[in-house]
C-alpha cells in the first residue's frame, strides 16, 4: 500500500495505539498509581504503545505530516527512538504526560483527517479494537477519556 491510503492506514493505527494508552491511563487513574510497584508493567506497556505510535509516525509521508502540521512529528519519532533503542531509562513522568496530555490530542487530530475521508471510521475503529483486544468495552474510540 502506498501514498495516501498507506498514510490513512497509519493514522488508523496511531489512533488505536492512542486509545490503548488512554485505557492504561484510565485504569491507573493517577500518576502515583501508574508508577506504583504493583503496576510496573503499565509503564513498560505504555512505552511499547508509544513506540508503536512512533513507528507509524516515522513512516508517514511528509505530505500527511504537513496536513496535520501542528503535531510535533519529530519529537514523536525521537521518543520512539529513545524507547525502542533504550538510549536511557524510561522517564515515567514523560510517559504519563504522553498518556494524559499528548495521546488524546494526537488521536483527535488524526481522527479529523480520517473522518474527512471516511464517515464510518469511528464504527470501524470500534470494531477493530474489539477484535484486537479485550480492553475495549464498547465506549467510543474517540472519547478521549
Protein backbone atom coordinates (compact mmCIF):
# COMPACT_ATOMS: atom_id res chain seq x y z
CA UNK A 1 0.00 0.00 0.00
CA UNK A 2 1.41 3.38 -0.99
CA UNK A 3 0.61 7.03 -0.86
CA UNK A 4 -2.48 8.47 0.72
CA UNK A 5 -4.11 5.12 1.52
CA UNK A 6 -0.99 3.96 3.36
CA UNK A 7 -0.95 7.20 5.33
CA UNK A 8 -4.61 6.82 6.25
CA UNK A 9 -3.98 3.28 7.44
CA UNK A 10 -1.07 4.52 9.55
CA UNK A 11 -3.36 7.16 11.07
CA UNK A 12 -5.84 4.41 11.96
CA UNK A 13 -3.08 2.53 13.76
CA UNK A 14 -1.94 5.67 15.56
CA UNK A 15 -5.48 6.30 16.80
CA UNK A 16 -5.78 2.71 18.03
CA UNK A 17 -2.49 2.91 19.96
CA UNK A 18 -3.54 6.27 21.42
CA UNK A 19 -6.82 4.73 22.55
CA UNK A 20 -4.95 1.87 24.21
CA UNK A 21 -2.74 4.40 26.01
CA UNK A 22 -5.84 6.20 27.21
CA UNK A 23 -7.19 2.92 28.59
CA UNK A 24 -3.95 2.46 30.54
CA UNK A 25 -4.32 5.98 31.91
CA UNK A 26 -7.91 5.38 32.83
CA UNK A 27 -7.02 2.14 34.58
CA UNK A 28 -4.16 3.73 36.52
CA UNK A 29 -6.17 6.90 37.27
CA UNK A 30 -3.23 8.78 38.82
CA UNK A 31 0.48 9.12 38.21
CA UNK A 32 1.15 7.63 41.62
CA UNK A 33 -0.85 4.51 40.73
CA UNK A 34 0.80 4.36 37.32
CA UNK A 35 4.31 4.21 38.78
CA UNK A 36 3.48 2.03 41.76
CA UNK A 37 5.34 -1.23 42.11
CA UNK A 38 2.18 -3.27 41.52
CA UNK A 39 1.65 -1.53 38.18
CA UNK A 40 5.21 -1.57 36.87
CA UNK A 41 4.05 -3.40 33.75
CA UNK A 42 1.86 -0.46 32.79
CA UNK A 43 4.94 1.71 32.29
CA UNK A 44 6.58 -0.84 30.01
CA UNK A 45 3.33 -1.49 28.16
CA UNK A 46 2.82 2.22 27.65
CA UNK A 47 6.38 2.62 26.39
CA UNK A 48 5.67 -0.15 23.88
CA UNK A 49 2.47 1.58 22.73
CA UNK A 50 4.34 4.88 22.34
CA UNK A 51 7.00 3.07 20.34
CA UNK A 52 4.32 1.70 18.04
CA UNK A 53 2.89 5.17 17.53
CA UNK A 54 6.37 6.41 16.71
CA UNK A 55 6.89 3.62 14.19
CA UNK A 56 3.76 4.66 12.30
CA UNK A 57 4.72 8.33 12.55
CA UNK A 58 8.17 7.52 11.18
CA UNK A 59 6.53 6.06 8.07
CA UNK A 60 4.01 8.85 7.44
CA UNK A 61 4.65 10.87 4.32
CA UNK A 62 5.79 14.46 4.61
CA UNK A 63 2.58 15.40 2.81
CA UNK A 64 0.44 13.90 5.59
CA UNK A 65 2.61 15.45 8.28
CA UNK A 66 2.06 18.81 6.59
CA UNK A 67 -1.71 18.28 6.58
CA UNK A 68 -1.61 17.82 10.37
CA UNK A 69 1.14 20.37 10.82
CA UNK A 70 0.52 21.26 14.47
CA UNK A 71 1.70 17.86 15.75
CA UNK A 72 5.37 17.62 16.82
CA UNK A 73 6.13 14.70 14.50
CA UNK A 74 9.89 14.89 15.01
CA UNK A 75 9.52 14.70 18.80
CA UNK A 76 7.26 11.66 18.49
CA UNK A 77 9.80 9.93 16.28
CA UNK A 78 12.64 10.90 18.63
CA UNK A 79 10.75 9.46 21.60
CA UNK A 80 10.23 6.25 19.66
CA UNK A 81 13.96 6.01 19.04
CA UNK A 82 14.75 6.56 22.71
CA UNK A 83 12.23 3.94 23.86
CA UNK A 84 12.98 1.34 21.21
CA UNK A 85 16.74 1.65 21.25
CA UNK A 86 16.82 2.15 25.01
CA UNK A 87 19.19 5.11 24.98
CA UNK A 88 18.33 5.62 28.62
CA UNK A 89 15.86 4.51 31.19
CA UNK A 90 12.20 5.22 30.70
CA UNK A 91 11.19 8.57 32.17
CA UNK A 92 7.89 7.67 33.76
CA UNK A 93 6.67 11.24 34.06
CA UNK A 94 7.17 11.74 30.31
CA UNK A 95 5.29 8.54 29.51
CA UNK A 96 2.46 9.67 31.82
CA UNK A 97 2.29 13.06 30.10
CA UNK A 98 2.05 11.32 26.74
CA UNK A 99 -0.83 9.22 28.07
CA UNK A 100 -2.75 12.04 29.72
CA UNK A 101 -1.94 15.05 27.53
CA UNK A 102 -0.42 14.24 24.17
CA UNK A 103 -2.09 11.00 23.03
CA UNK A 104 -5.62 12.47 23.23
CA UNK A 105 -4.56 15.44 21.09
CA UNK A 106 -2.75 13.25 18.57
CA UNK A 107 -5.75 10.92 18.36
CA UNK A 108 -8.15 13.82 17.86
CA UNK A 109 -6.06 15.37 15.08
CA UNK A 110 -5.66 12.04 13.28
CA UNK A 111 -9.38 11.32 13.60
CA UNK A 112 -10.22 14.66 12.00
CA UNK A 113 -8.31 13.64 8.87
CA UNK A 114 -9.75 10.12 8.91
CA UNK A 115 -13.33 11.37 9.31
CA UNK A 116 -12.90 13.69 6.35
CA UNK A 117 -12.02 10.62 4.25
CA UNK A 118 -14.41 8.10 5.79
CA UNK A 119 -17.55 9.00 7.72
CA UNK A 120 -17.74 5.46 9.10
CA UNK A 121 -14.25 5.46 10.64
CA UNK A 122 -15.48 5.54 14.26
CA UNK A 123 -17.53 2.37 13.82
CA UNK A 124 -14.65 0.69 12.00
CA UNK A 125 -12.24 1.62 14.80
CA UNK A 126 -14.60 0.26 17.46
CA UNK A 127 -14.90 -2.98 15.54
CA UNK A 128 -11.14 -3.33 15.01
CA UNK A 129 -10.39 -2.59 18.66
CA UNK A 130 -12.97 -5.11 19.79
CA UNK A 131 -11.36 -7.75 17.58
CA UNK A 132 -7.80 -6.94 18.68
CA UNK A 133 -8.15 -6.73 22.41
CA UNK A 134 -10.36 -7.24 25.39
CA UNK A 135 -9.69 -3.73 26.73
CA UNK A 136 -12.39 -2.27 24.52
CA UNK A 137 -15.60 -2.10 26.48
CA UNK A 138 -17.93 -0.58 23.92
CA UNK A 139 -17.09 3.06 24.57
CA UNK A 140 -16.43 5.43 21.71
CA UNK A 141 -12.93 5.07 20.29
CA UNK A 142 -12.74 8.83 20.19
CA UNK A 143 -13.99 9.67 23.66
CA UNK A 144 -10.52 10.98 24.61
CA UNK A 145 -11.02 9.82 28.17
